[in-house]
PDB file of N, CA and C in Angstrom:
ATOM      1  N   MET A   1      31.914 107.171  49.377  1.00  0.00           N
ATOM      2  CA  MET A   1      32.706 106.495  48.095  1.00  0.00           C
ATOM      3  C   MET A   1      34.000 106.256  48.822  1.00  0.00           C
ATOM      4  N   ASP A   2      34.801 105.520  48.396  1.00  0.00           N
ATOM      5  CA  ASP A   2      36.285 105.255  48.817  1.00  0.00           C
ATOM      6  C   ASP A   2      37.141 106.243  48.230  1.00  0.00           C
ATOM      7  N   LEU A   3      37.920 106.825  48.866  1.00  0.00           N
ATOM      8  CA  LEU A   3      38.831 107.776  48.359  1.00  0.00           C
ATOM      9  C   LEU A   3      39.694 107.218  47.425  1.00  0.00           C
ATOM     10  N   PHE A   4      40.267 105.973  47.700  1.00  0.00           N
ATOM     11  CA  PHE A   4      40.935 105.475  46.726  1.00  0.00           C
ATOM     12  C   PHE A   4      40.354 105.239  45.385  1.00  0.00           C
ATOM     13  N   LEU A   5      39.036 104.845  45.238  1.00  0.00           N
ATOM     14  CA  LEU A   5      38.495 104.708  44.171  1.00  0.00           C
ATOM     15  C   LEU A   5      38.224 106.167  43.607  1.00  0.00           C
ATOM     16  N   MET A   6      37.983 107.069  44.267  1.00  0.00           N
ATOM     17  CA  MET A   6      37.612 108.494  43.480  1.00  0.00           C
ATOM     18  C   MET A   6      39.096 109.092  42.963  1.00  0.00           C
ATOM     19  N   LEU A   7      40.274 108.878  43.501  1.00  0.00           N
ATOM     20  CA  LEU A   7      41.390 109.166  43.014  1.00  0.00           C
ATOM     21  C   LEU A   7      41.851 108.469  41.570  1.00  0.00           C
ATOM     22  N   GLY A   8      41.488 107.334  41.776  1.00  0.00           N
ATOM     23  CA  GLY A   8      41.810 106.339  40.581  1.00  0.00           C
ATOM     24  C   GLY A   8      40.720 105.921  39.696  1.00  0.00           C
ATOM     25  N   ALA A   9      39.518 106.699  39.934  1.00  0.00           N
ATOM     26  CA  ALA A   9      38.622 106.400  39.118  1.00  0.00           C
ATOM     27  C   ALA A   9      38.736 106.599  37.585  1.00  0.00           C
ATOM     28  N   ASP A  10      38.066 105.644  36.938  1.00  0.00           N
ATOM     29  CA  ASP A  10      37.953 105.907  35.423  1.00  0.00           C
ATOM     30  C   ASP A  10      36.854 106.845  34.801  1.00  0.00           C
ATOM     31  N   PRO A  11      37.311 107.963  34.259  1.00  0.00           N
ATOM     32  CA  PRO A  11      36.270 109.018  33.945  1.00  0.00           C
ATOM     33  C   PRO A  11      35.337 108.419  32.911  1.00  0.00           C
ATOM     34  N   TYR A  12      35.769 107.366  32.133  1.00  0.00           N
ATOM     35  CA  TYR A  12      34.725 106.847  31.132  1.00  0.00           C
ATOM     36  C   TYR A  12      33.989 105.726  31.533  1.00  0.00           C
ATOM     37  N   GLY A  13      34.071 105.310  32.790  1.00  0.00           N
ATOM     38  CA  GLY A  13      33.221 104.208  33.427  1.00  0.00           C
ATOM     39  C   GLY A  13      33.414 102.948  32.766  1.00  0.00           C
ATOM     40  N   GLN A  14      34.584 102.634  32.490  1.00  0.00           N
ATOM     41  CA  GLN A  14      34.844 101.083  31.730  1.00  0.00           C
ATOM     42  C   GLN A  14      35.119 100.473  32.859  1.00  0.00           C
ATOM     43  N   GLY A  15      35.110 100.376  34.193  1.00  0.00           N
ATOM     44  CA  GLY A  15      35.301  99.501  35.295  1.00  0.00           C
ATOM     45  C   GLY A  15      36.589  99.450  35.357  1.00  0.00           C
ATOM     46  N   VAL A  16      37.596 100.485  35.294  1.00  0.00           N
ATOM     47  CA  VAL A  16      39.070 100.392  35.395  1.00  0.00           C
ATOM     48  C   VAL A  16      39.529 101.305  36.493  1.00  0.00           C
ATOM     49  N   VAL A  17      40.293 100.852  37.232  1.00  0.00           N
ATOM     50  CA  VAL A  17      41.105 101.865  38.413  1.00  0.00           C
ATOM     51  C   VAL A  17      42.454 102.141  37.807  1.00  0.00           C
ATOM     52  N   ASP A  18      42.515 103.507  37.478  1.00  0.00           N
ATOM     53  CA  ASP A  18      43.840 103.938  36.900  1.00  0.00           C
ATOM     54  C   ASP A  18      44.816 104.316  38.111  1.00  0.00           C
ATOM     55  N   CYS A  19      45.913 103.456  38.150  1.00  0.00           N
ATOM     56  CA  CYS A  19      46.911 103.759  39.206  1.00  0.00           C
ATOM     57  C   CYS A  19      47.819 104.961  38.997  1.00  0.00           C
ATOM     58  N   ASN A  20      47.780 105.492  37.730  1.00  0.00           N
ATOM     59  CA  ASN A  20      48.559 106.429  37.146  1.00  0.00           C
ATOM     60  C   ASN A  20      48.452 107.811  38.003  1.00  0.00           C
ATOM     61  N   ASN A  21      47.264 108.054  38.389  1.00  0.00           N
ATOM     62  CA  ASN A  21      46.834 109.102  39.120  1.00  0.00           C
ATOM     63  C   ASN A  21      47.304 109.109  40.609  1.00  0.00           C
ATOM     64  N   LEU A  22      47.426 107.901  41.170  1.00  0.00           N
ATOM     65  CA  LEU A  22      47.973 107.637  42.493  1.00  0.00           C
ATOM     66  C   LEU A  22      49.379 107.543  42.627  1.00  0.00           C
ATOM     67  N   ILE A  23      50.177 107.243  41.429  1.00  0.00           N
ATOM     68  CA  ILE A  23      51.492 106.596  41.559  1.00  0.00           C
ATOM     69  C   ILE A  23      52.458 107.645  42.417  1.00  0.00           C
ATOM     70  N   GLY A  24      52.130 108.772  41.978  1.00  0.00           N
ATOM     71  CA  GLY A  24      53.089 109.861  42.882  1.00  0.00           C
ATOM     72  C   GLY A  24      52.847 109.935  44.365  1.00  0.00           C
ATOM     73  N   ILE A  25      51.609 109.748  44.736  1.00  0.00           N
ATOM     74  CA  ILE A  25      51.448 109.834  45.994  1.00  0.00           C
ATOM     75  C   ILE A  25      51.869 108.495  46.612  1.00  0.00           C
ATOM     76  N   ILE A  26      51.695 107.394  45.989  1.00  0.00           N
ATOM     77  CA  ILE A  26      52.201 106.113  46.710  1.00  0.00           C
ATOM     78  C   ILE A  26      53.629 106.094  46.967  1.00  0.00           C
ATOM     79  N   ASN A  27      54.284 106.670  45.695  1.00  0.00           N
ATOM     80  CA  ASN A  27      55.950 106.489  45.915  1.00  0.00           C
ATOM     81  C   ASN A  27      56.319 107.579  47.034  1.00  0.00           C
ATOM     82  N   VAL A  28      55.620 108.820  47.250  1.00  0.00           N
ATOM     83  CA  VAL A  28      56.139 109.723  48.465  1.00  0.00           C
ATOM     84  C   VAL A  28      55.760 108.874  49.541  1.00  0.00           C
ATOM     85  N   VAL A  29      54.542 108.355  49.758  1.00  0.00           N
ATOM     86  CA  VAL A  29      54.360 107.407  50.989  1.00  0.00           C
ATOM     87  C   VAL A  29      55.340 106.476  51.261  1.00  0.00           C
ATOM     88  N   LYS A  30      55.821 105.734  50.165  1.00  0.00           N
ATOM     89  CA  LYS A  30      56.771 104.508  50.393  1.00  0.00           C
ATOM     90  C   LYS A  30      58.084 104.994  50.799  1.00  0.00           C
ATOM     91  N   SER A  31      58.399 106.104  50.053  1.00  0.00           N
ATOM     92  CA  SER A  31      59.796 106.546  50.613  1.00  0.00           C
ATOM     93  C   SER A  31      59.695 107.242  51.888  1.00  0.00           C
ATOM     94  N   LEU A  32      58.796 107.924  52.373  1.00  0.00           N
ATOM     95  CA  LEU A  32      58.596 108.432  53.826  1.00  0.00           C
ATOM     96  C   LEU A  32      58.713 107.208  54.733  1.00  0.00           C
ATOM     97  N   ILE A  33      57.853 106.236  54.492  1.00  0.00           N
ATOM     98  CA  ILE A  33      57.791 104.942  55.455  1.00  0.00           C
ATOM     99  C   ILE A  33      59.244 104.350  55.476  1.00  0.00           C
ATOM    100  N   LEU A  34      59.847 104.450  54.191  1.00  0.00           N
ATOM    101  CA  LEU A  34      61.217 103.630  54.379  1.00  0.00           C
ATOM    102  C   LEU A  34      62.178 104.431  55.182  1.00  0.00           C
ATOM    103  N   VAL A  35      62.369 105.677  55.116  1.00  0.00           N
ATOM    104  CA  VAL A  35      63.145 106.637  55.748  1.00  0.00           C
ATOM    105  C   VAL A  35      62.782 106.625  57.341  1.00  0.00           C
ATOM    106  N   LEU A  36      61.444 106.634  57.835  1.00  0.00           N
ATOM    107  CA  LEU A  36      61.038 106.621  59.065  1.00  0.00           C
ATOM    108  C   LEU A  36      61.343 105.027  59.695  1.00  0.00           C
ATOM    109  N   ARG A  37      61.307 103.896  58.818  1.00  0.00           N
ATOM    110  CA  ARG A  37      61.538 102.526  59.401  1.00  0.00           C
ATOM    111  C   ARG A  37      63.248 102.422  59.522  1.00  0.00           C
ATOM    112  N   ILE A  38      63.881 103.132  59.040  1.00  0.00           N
ATOM    113  CA  ILE A  38      65.299 103.100  59.069  1.00  0.00           C
ATOM    114  C   ILE A  38      65.678 103.929  60.217  1.00  0.00           C
ATOM    115  N   VAL A  39      65.490 105.187  59.908  1.00  0.00           N
ATOM    116  CA  VAL A  39      65.977 106.386  60.835  1.00  0.00           C
ATOM    117  C   VAL A  39      65.754 106.487  62.202  1.00  0.00           C
ATOM    118  N   VAL A  40      64.305 106.165  62.352  1.00  0.00           N
ATOM    119  CA  VAL A  40      63.950 106.458  63.652  1.00  0.00           C
ATOM    120  C   VAL A  40      64.628 105.484  64.731  1.00  0.00           C
ATOM    121  N   PRO A  41      64.486 103.958  64.371  1.00  0.00           N
ATOM    122  CA  PRO A  41      64.897 103.014  65.182  1.00  0.00           C
ATOM    123  C   PRO A  41      66.638 103.366  65.528  1.00  0.00           C
ATOM    124  N   ILE A  42      67.244 103.935  64.394  1.00  0.00           N
ATOM    125  CA  ILE A  42      68.513 104.104  64.645  1.00  0.00           C
ATOM    126  C   ILE A  42      68.839 105.203  65.646  1.00  0.00           C
ATOM    127  N   ILE A  43      68.223 106.294  65.392  1.00  0.00           N
ATOM    128  CA  ILE A  43      68.001 107.682  66.225  1.00  0.00           C
ATOM    129  C   ILE A  43      67.749 107.179  67.673  1.00  0.00           C
ATOM    130  N   LEU A  44      66.792 106.372  67.969  1.00  0.00           N
ATOM    131  CA  LEU A  44      66.420 105.930  69.302  1.00  0.00           C
ATOM    132  C   LEU A  44      67.426 104.950  70.030  1.00  0.00           C
ATOM    133  N   LEU A  45      68.145 104.182  69.172  1.00  0.00           N
ATOM    134  CA  LEU A  45      69.090 103.330  69.965  1.00  0.00           C
ATOM    135  C   LEU A  45      70.338 104.007  70.110  1.00  0.00           C
ATOM    136  N   VAL A  46      71.008 105.053  69.247  1.00  0.00           N
ATOM    137  CA  VAL A  46      71.968 105.969  69.548  1.00  0.00           C
ATOM    138  C   VAL A  46      71.775 106.757  70.675  1.00  0.00           C
ATOM    139  N   LEU A  47      70.546 107.312  70.803  1.00  0.00           N
ATOM    140  CA  LEU A  47      70.422 108.249  71.943  1.00  0.00           C
ATOM    141  C   LEU A  47      70.338 107.367  73.561  1.00  0.00           C
ATOM    142  N   GLY A  48      69.857 106.390  73.324  1.00  0.00           N
ATOM    143  CA  GLY A  48      69.934 105.259  74.463  1.00  0.00           C
ATOM    144  C   GLY A  48      71.341 104.855  74.843  1.00  0.00           C
ATOM    145  N   ALA A  49      72.154 104.559  73.872  1.00  0.00           N
ATOM    146  CA  ALA A  49      73.387 104.316  73.993  1.00  0.00           C
ATOM    147  C   ALA A  49      74.234 105.492  74.673  1.00  0.00           C
ATOM    148  N   ILE A  50      73.877 106.757  74.166  1.00  0.00           N
ATOM    149  CA  ILE A  50      74.647 107.831  74.580  1.00  0.00           C
ATOM    150  C   ILE A  50      74.058 108.252  76.069  1.00  0.00           C
ATOM    151  N   ASP A  51      72.999 107.936  76.474  1.00  0.00           N
ATOM    152  CA  ASP A  51      72.497 108.050  77.932  1.00  0.00           C
ATOM    153  C   ASP A  51      73.166 107.092  78.821  1.00  0.00           C
ATOM    154  N   LEU A  52      73.233 105.950  78.199  1.00  0.00           N
ATOM    155  CA  LEU A  52      73.927 104.865  79.034  1.00  0.00           C
ATOM    156  C   LEU A  52      75.349 105.015  79.324  1.00  0.00           C
ATOM    157  N   ALA A  53      76.042 105.638  78.312  1.00  0.00           N
ATOM    158  CA  ALA A  53      77.511 105.838  78.343  1.00  0.00           C
ATOM    159  C   ALA A  53      77.605 106.967  79.296  1.00  0.00           C
ATOM    160  N   LYS A  54      76.808 107.938  79.239  1.00  0.00           N
ATOM    161  CA  LYS A  54      77.141 109.080  80.306  1.00  0.00           C
ATOM    162  C   LYS A  54      76.809 108.482  81.653  1.00  0.00           C
ATOM    163  N   ALA A  55      75.867 107.811  81.861  1.00  0.00           N
ATOM    164  CA  ALA A  55      75.538 107.124  83.229  1.00  0.00           C
ATOM    165  C   ALA A  55      76.738 106.434  83.803  1.00  0.00           C
ATOM    166  N   VAL A  56      77.209 105.563  82.740  1.00  0.00           N
ATOM    167  CA  VAL A  56      78.362 104.844  83.186  1.00  0.00           C
ATOM    168  C   VAL A  56      79.627 105.600  83.580  1.00  0.00           C
ATOM    169  N   ILE A  57      79.879 106.682  82.827  1.00  0.00           N
ATOM    170  CA  ILE A  57      81.028 107.461  82.898  1.00  0.00           C
ATOM    171  C   ILE A  57      80.932 108.341  84.279  1.00  0.00           C
ATOM    172  N   ALA A  58      79.711 108.555  84.433  1.00  0.00           N
ATOM    173  CA  ALA A  58      79.506 109.237  85.724  1.00  0.00           C
ATOM    174  C   ALA A  58      79.615 108.594  87.072  1.00  0.00           C
ATOM    175  N   GLY A  59      79.551 107.214  86.897  1.00  0.00           N
ATOM    176  CA  GLY A  59      79.642 106.066  87.914  1.00  0.00           C
ATOM    177  C   GLY A  59      78.570 105.936  88.944  1.00  0.00           C
ATOM    178  N   ASP A  60      77.467 106.606  88.578  1.00  0.00           N
ATOM    179  CA  ASP A  60      76.277 106.641  89.548  1.00  0.00           C
ATOM    180  C   ASP A  60      75.402 105.390  89.129  1.00  0.00           C
ATOM    181  N   ASP A  61      75.455 104.288  90.125  1.00  0.00           N
ATOM    182  CA  ASP A  61      74.641 103.300  89.957  1.00  0.00           C
ATOM    183  C   ASP A  61      73.157 103.491  89.672  1.00  0.00           C
ATOM    184  N   LYS A  62      72.526 104.419  90.441  1.00  0.00           N
ATOM    185  CA  LYS A  62      71.139 104.475  90.155  1.00  0.00           C
ATOM    186  C   LYS A  62      70.943 105.027  89.030  1.00  0.00           C
ATOM    187  N   GLU A  63      71.728 106.033  88.500  1.00  0.00           N
ATOM    188  CA  GLU A  63      71.550 106.813  87.128  1.00  0.00           C
ATOM    189  C   GLU A  63      71.803 105.659  86.068  1.00  0.00           C
ATOM    190  N   ALA A  64      72.639 104.709  86.297  1.00  0.00           N
ATOM    191  CA  ALA A  64      72.874 103.594  85.279  1.00  0.00           C
ATOM    192  C   ALA A  64      71.747 102.778  85.212  1.00  0.00           C
ATOM    193  N   LYS A  65      71.109 102.233  86.179  1.00  0.00           N
ATOM    194  CA  LYS A  65      69.924 101.641  86.254  1.00  0.00           C
ATOM    195  C   LYS A  65      68.736 102.382  85.461  1.00  0.00           C
ATOM    196  N   GLN A  66      68.685 103.807  85.725  1.00  0.00           N
ATOM    197  CA  GLN A  66      67.498 104.420  84.739  1.00  0.00           C
ATOM    198  C   GLN A  66      67.969 104.485  83.579  1.00  0.00           C
ATOM    199  N   ALA A  67      69.249 104.692  83.037  1.00  0.00           N
ATOM    200  CA  ALA A  67      69.518 104.573  81.869  1.00  0.00           C
ATOM    201  C   ALA A  67      69.508 103.348  81.042  1.00  0.00           C
ATOM    202  N   THR A  68      69.891 102.168  81.792  1.00  0.00           N
ATOM    203  CA  THR A  68      69.483 100.862  81.272  1.00  0.00           C
ATOM    204  C   THR A  68      68.036 100.666  81.037  1.00  0.00           C
ATOM    205  N   SER A  69      67.121 101.223  81.675  1.00  0.00           N
ATOM    206  CA  SER A  69      65.622 100.953  81.643  1.00  0.00           C
ATOM    207  C   SER A  69      65.201 101.767  80.494  1.00  0.00           C
ATOM    208  N   ARG A  70      65.841 103.191  80.209  1.00  0.00           N
ATOM    209  CA  ARG A  70      65.352 104.015  79.190  1.00  0.00           C
ATOM    210  C   ARG A  70      65.871 103.236  77.756  1.00  0.00           C
ATOM    211  N   LEU A  71      67.025 102.731  77.875  1.00  0.00           N
ATOM    212  CA  LEU A  71      67.627 101.899  76.526  1.00  0.00           C
ATOM    213  C   LEU A  71      66.833 100.806  76.192  1.00  0.00           C
ATOM    214  N   LEU A  72      66.208 100.174  77.267  1.00  0.00           N
ATOM    215  CA  LEU A  72      65.471  98.973  76.968  1.00  0.00           C
ATOM    216  C   LEU A  72      64.028  99.393  76.372  1.00  0.00           C
ATOM    217  N   LYS A  73      63.505 100.475  76.949  1.00  0.00           N
ATOM    218  CA  LYS A  73      62.353 101.043  76.457  1.00  0.00           C
ATOM    219  C   LYS A  73      62.372 101.639  74.982  1.00  0.00           C
ATOM    220  N   ARG A  74      63.503 102.126  74.692  1.00  0.00           N
ATOM    221  CA  ARG A  74      63.927 102.755  73.337  1.00  0.00           C
ATOM    222  C   ARG A  74      64.210 101.578  72.234  1.00  0.00           C
ATOM    223  N   ALA A  75      64.730 100.792  72.802  1.00  0.00           N
ATOM    224  CA  ALA A  75      65.200  99.422  71.808  1.00  0.00           C
ATOM    225  C   ALA A  75      63.758  98.769  71.460  1.00  0.00           C
ATOM    226  N   ILE A  76      62.845  98.623  72.579  1.00  0.00           N
ATOM    227  CA  ILE A  76      61.303  98.162  72.275  1.00  0.00           C
ATOM    228  C   ILE A  76      60.622  98.914  71.302  1.00  0.00           C
ATOM    229  N   ALA A  77      60.798 100.509  71.584  1.00  0.00           N
ATOM    230  CA  ALA A  77      60.094 101.296  70.571  1.00  0.00           C
ATOM    231  C   ALA A  77      60.806 101.203  69.138  1.00  0.00           C
ATOM    232  N   ALA A  78      62.008 101.187  69.070  1.00  0.00           N
ATOM    233  CA  ALA A  78      62.609 100.970  67.882  1.00  0.00           C
ATOM    234  C   ALA A  78      61.892  99.823  67.150  1.00  0.00           C
ATOM    235  N   VAL A  79      62.075  98.492  67.708  1.00  0.00           N
ATOM    236  CA  VAL A  79      61.535  97.484  67.132  1.00  0.00           C
ATOM    237  C   VAL A  79      60.092  97.561  66.626  1.00  0.00           C
ATOM    238  N   ALA A  80      59.227  98.154  67.812  1.00  0.00           N
ATOM    239  CA  ALA A  80      57.850  98.358  67.254  1.00  0.00           C
ATOM    240  C   ALA A  80      57.685  99.215  65.993  1.00  0.00           C
ATOM    241  N   ILE A  81      58.615 100.478  65.867  1.00  0.00           N
ATOM    242  CA  ILE A  81      58.632 101.252  64.657  1.00  0.00           C
ATOM    243  C   ILE A  81      58.765 100.503  63.449  1.00  0.00           C
ATOM    244  N   PHE A  82      59.891  99.531  63.590  1.00  0.00           N
ATOM    245  CA  PHE A  82      60.360  98.991  62.424  1.00  0.00           C
ATOM    246  C   PHE A  82      59.322  97.920  61.927  1.00  0.00           C
ATOM    247  N   PHE A  83      58.571  97.166  62.836  1.00  0.00           N
ATOM    248  CA  PHE A  83      57.602  96.262  62.403  1.00  0.00           C
ATOM    249  C   PHE A  83      56.259  96.788  62.352  1.00  0.00           C
ATOM    250  N   ILE A  84      56.125  98.105  62.516  1.00  0.00           N
ATOM    251  CA  ILE A  84      54.496  98.622  62.382  1.00  0.00           C
ATOM    252  C   ILE A  84      54.178  98.640  60.956  1.00  0.00           C
ATOM    253  N   VAL A  85      55.239  99.031  59.985  1.00  0.00           N
ATOM    254  CA  VAL A  85      54.882  99.157  58.655  1.00  0.00           C
ATOM    255  C   VAL A  85      54.438  97.502  58.213  1.00  0.00           C
ATOM    256  N   SER A  86      55.127  96.749  58.468  1.00  0.00           N
ATOM    257  CA  SER A  86      54.834  95.242  58.026  1.00  0.00           C
ATOM    258  C   SER A  86      53.433  94.995  58.575  1.00  0.00           C
ATOM    259  N   ILE A  87      53.185  95.414  59.874  1.00  0.00           N
ATOM    260  CA  ILE A  87      51.855  95.099  60.654  1.00  0.00           C
ATOM    261  C   ILE A  87      50.559  95.584  59.817  1.00  0.00           C
ATOM    262  N   MET A  88      50.766  96.934  59.290  1.00  0.00           N
ATOM    263  CA  MET A  88      49.815  97.698  58.532  1.00  0.00           C
ATOM    264  C   MET A  88      49.777  97.179  56.967  1.00  0.00           C
ATOM    265  N   ASN A  89      50.798  96.845  56.590  1.00  0.00           N
ATOM    266  CA  ASN A  89      50.791  96.235  55.044  1.00  0.00           C
ATOM    267  C   ASN A  89      49.755  94.834  55.357  1.00  0.00           C
ATOM    268  N   LEU A  90      49.976  94.143  56.286  1.00  0.00           N
ATOM    269  CA  LEU A  90      49.226  92.778  56.685  1.00  0.00           C
ATOM    270  C   LEU A  90      47.806  93.145  56.836  1.00  0.00           C
ATOM    271  N   ILE A  91      47.665  94.221  57.794  1.00  0.00           N
ATOM    272  CA  ILE A  91      46.216  94.595  57.968  1.00  0.00           C
ATOM    273  C   ILE A  91      45.390  94.962  56.573  1.00  0.00           C
ATOM    274  N   MET A  92      46.052  95.822  55.819  1.00  0.00           N
ATOM    275  CA  MET A  92      45.599  96.491  54.614  1.00  0.00           C
ATOM    276  C   MET A  92      45.220  95.280  53.504  1.00  0.00           C
ATOM    277  N   GLY A  93      46.309  94.320  53.580  1.00  0.00           N
ATOM    278  CA  GLY A  93      46.173  93.261  52.775  1.00  0.00           C
ATOM    279  C   GLY A  93      44.991  92.488  52.926  1.00  0.00           C
ATOM    280  N   VAL A  94      44.578  92.355  54.278  1.00  0.00           N
ATOM    281  CA  VAL A  94      43.556  91.695  54.623  1.00  0.00           C
ATOM    282  C   VAL A  94      42.033  92.515  54.448  1.00  0.00           C
ATOM    283  N   VAL A  95      42.119  93.683  54.803  1.00  0.00           N
ATOM    284  CA  VAL A  95      40.962  94.736  54.803  1.00  0.00           C
ATOM    285  C   VAL A  95      40.869  95.300  53.462  1.00  0.00           C
ATOM    286  N   GLY A  96      41.937  95.873  52.864  1.00  0.00           N
ATOM    287  CA  GLY A  96      41.858  96.628  51.733  1.00  0.00           C
ATOM    288  C   GLY A  96      41.228  95.829  50.514  1.00  0.00           C
ATOM    289  N   SER A  97      41.122  96.637  49.543  1.00  0.00           N
ATOM    290  CA  SER A  97      40.253  96.114  48.304  1.00  0.00           C
ATOM    291  C   SER A  97      41.386  95.710  47.317  1.00  0.00           C
ATOM    292  N   LYS A  98      41.222  94.878  46.423  1.00  0.00           N
ATOM    293  CA  LYS A  98      42.150  94.267  45.424  1.00  0.00           C
ATOM    294  C   LYS A  98      42.833  95.527  44.641  1.00  0.00           C
ATOM    295  N   ASP A  99      42.233  96.566  44.474  1.00  0.00           N
ATOM    296  CA  ASP A  99      42.421  97.684  43.605  1.00  0.00           C
ATOM    297  C   ASP A  99      43.617  98.308  44.286  1.00  0.00           C
ATOM    298  N   TRP A 100      43.229  98.531  45.691  1.00  0.00           N
ATOM    299  CA  TRP A 100      44.307  99.257  46.478  1.00  0.00           C
ATOM    300  C   TRP A 100      45.708  98.369  46.419  1.00  0.00           C
ATOM    301  N   GLN A 101      45.287  97.100  46.502  1.00  0.00           N
ATOM    302  CA  GLN A 101      46.624  96.319  46.792  1.00  0.00           C
ATOM    303  C   GLN A 101      47.524  96.166  45.699  1.00  0.00           C
ATOM    304  N   HIS A 102      46.822  96.220  44.359  1.00  0.00           N
ATOM    305  CA  HIS A 102      47.531  95.987  43.220  1.00  0.00           C
ATOM    306  C   HIS A 102      48.154  97.471  42.944  1.00  0.00           C
ATOM    307  N   CYS A 103      47.464  98.796  43.161  1.00  0.00           N
ATOM    308  CA  CYS A 103      48.150 100.036  43.026  1.00  0.00           C
ATOM    309  C   CYS A 103      49.557  99.958  44.002  1.00  0.00           C
ATOM    310  N   TRP A 104      49.421  99.584  45.202  1.00  0.00           N
ATOM    311  CA  TRP A 104      50.326  99.724  46.299  1.00  0.00           C
ATOM    312  C   TRP A 104      51.522  98.855  45.986  1.00  0.00           C
ATOM    313  N   ASN A 105      51.226  97.761  45.438  1.00  0.00           N
ATOM    314  CA  ASN A 105      52.324  96.885  44.826  1.00  0.00           C
ATOM    315  C   ASN A 105      52.975  97.127  43.745  1.00  0.00           C
ATOM    316  N   THR A 106      52.346  98.126  42.937  1.00  0.00           N
ATOM    317  CA  THR A 106      52.822  98.426  41.372  1.00  0.00           C
ATOM    318  C   THR A 106      54.142  99.018  41.670  1.00  0.00           C
ATOM    319  N   ASP A 107      54.998  98.557  40.578  1.00  0.00           N
ATOM    320  CA  ASP A 107      56.416  99.117  40.711  1.00  0.00           C
ATOM    321  C   ASP A 107      56.189 100.573  39.795  1.00  0.00           C
ATOM    322  N   ALA A 108      56.912 101.654  40.318  1.00  0.00           N
ATOM    323  CA  ALA A 108      56.913 102.941  39.546  1.00  0.00           C
ATOM    324  C   ALA A 108      57.576 103.028  38.303  1.00  0.00           C
ATOM    325  N   THR A 109      58.453 101.840  38.115  1.00  0.00           N
ATOM    326  CA  THR A 109      59.119 101.951  36.741  1.00  0.00           C
ATOM    327  C   THR A 109      58.192 101.343  35.641  1.00  0.00           C
ATOM    328  N   GLU A 110      56.989 100.840  35.979  1.00  0.00           N
ATOM    329  CA  GLU A 110      56.297 100.207  34.963  1.00  0.00           C
ATOM    330  C   GLU A 110      55.855 101.311  33.984  1.00  0.00           C
ATOM    331  N   LYS A 111      55.463 100.809  32.689  1.00  0.00           N
ATOM    332  CA  LYS A 111      54.950 101.859  31.815  1.00  0.00           C
ATOM    333  C   LYS A 111      53.454 102.151  32.287  1.00  0.00           C
ATOM    334  N   PRO A 112      53.179 103.565  32.040  1.00  0.00           N
ATOM    335  CA  PRO A 112      51.678 103.774  32.483  1.00  0.00           C
ATOM    336  C   PRO A 112      50.506 102.873  31.907  1.00  0.00           C
ATOM    337  N   ASP A 113      50.738 102.415  30.691  1.00  0.00           N
ATOM    338  CA  ASP A 113      49.598 101.464  30.152  1.00  0.00           C
ATOM    339  C   ASP A 113      49.516 100.221  30.874  1.00  0.00           C
ATOM    340  N   GLU A 114      50.607  99.860  31.643  1.00  0.00           N
ATOM    341  CA  GLU A 114      50.375  98.586  32.506  1.00  0.00           C
ATOM    342  C   GLU A 114      49.990  98.716  33.765  1.00  0.00           C
ATOM    343  N   ILE A 115      49.666 100.062  34.160  1.00  0.00           N
ATOM    344  CA  ILE A 115      49.268 100.373  35.586  1.00  0.00           C
ATOM    345  C   ILE A 115      47.881 100.740  35.665  1.00  0.00           C
ATOM    346  N   VAL A 116      47.038  99.557  35.437  1.00  0.00           N
ATOM    347  CA  VAL A 116      45.433  99.646  35.270  1.00  0.00           C
ATOM    348  C   VAL A 116      44.897  98.469  36.038  1.00  0.00           C
ATOM    349  N   VAL A 117      43.992  98.612  36.868  1.00  0.00           N
ATOM    350  CA  VAL A 117      43.317  97.352  37.303  1.00  0.00           C
ATOM    351  C   VAL A 117      42.077  97.310  36.676  1.00  0.00           C
ATOM    352  N   LYS A 118      41.577  96.066  36.147  1.00  0.00           N
ATOM    353  CA  LYS A 118      40.505  95.829  35.745  1.00  0.00           C
ATOM    354  C   LYS A 118      39.558  95.156  36.811  1.00  0.00           C
ATOM    355  N   ARG A 119      38.375  95.639  36.849  1.00  0.00           N
ATOM    356  CA  ARG A 119      37.386  94.960  37.754  1.00  0.00           C
ATOM    357  C   ARG A 119      36.517  94.022  37.268  1.00  0.00           C
TER     358      ARG A 119
END
């Protein structure tokens, strides 16, 4: 059985998935994703810029080329991390059930009575 359906299952068997059981978990996951999506690329780019600055200040051409290469790799990783969330949302939108999509897209500020999916 789908874990999502087990967590949001209606105990009375009315064919309704209750997102209220999941809203706390979904909010934590969304917050974590938002932080990772913003902070990790910034850290990667700042560290790459620091490495490049150190190499340029040292005046070593070989070290500057290596630092440039590392900066480029970190920039690519930063872009990949930024877009991985969008790619995962696209995949889950295609593969995931309508119940999951509804609960994931539900605004946490909605009233609990409104956060129900009828099948």
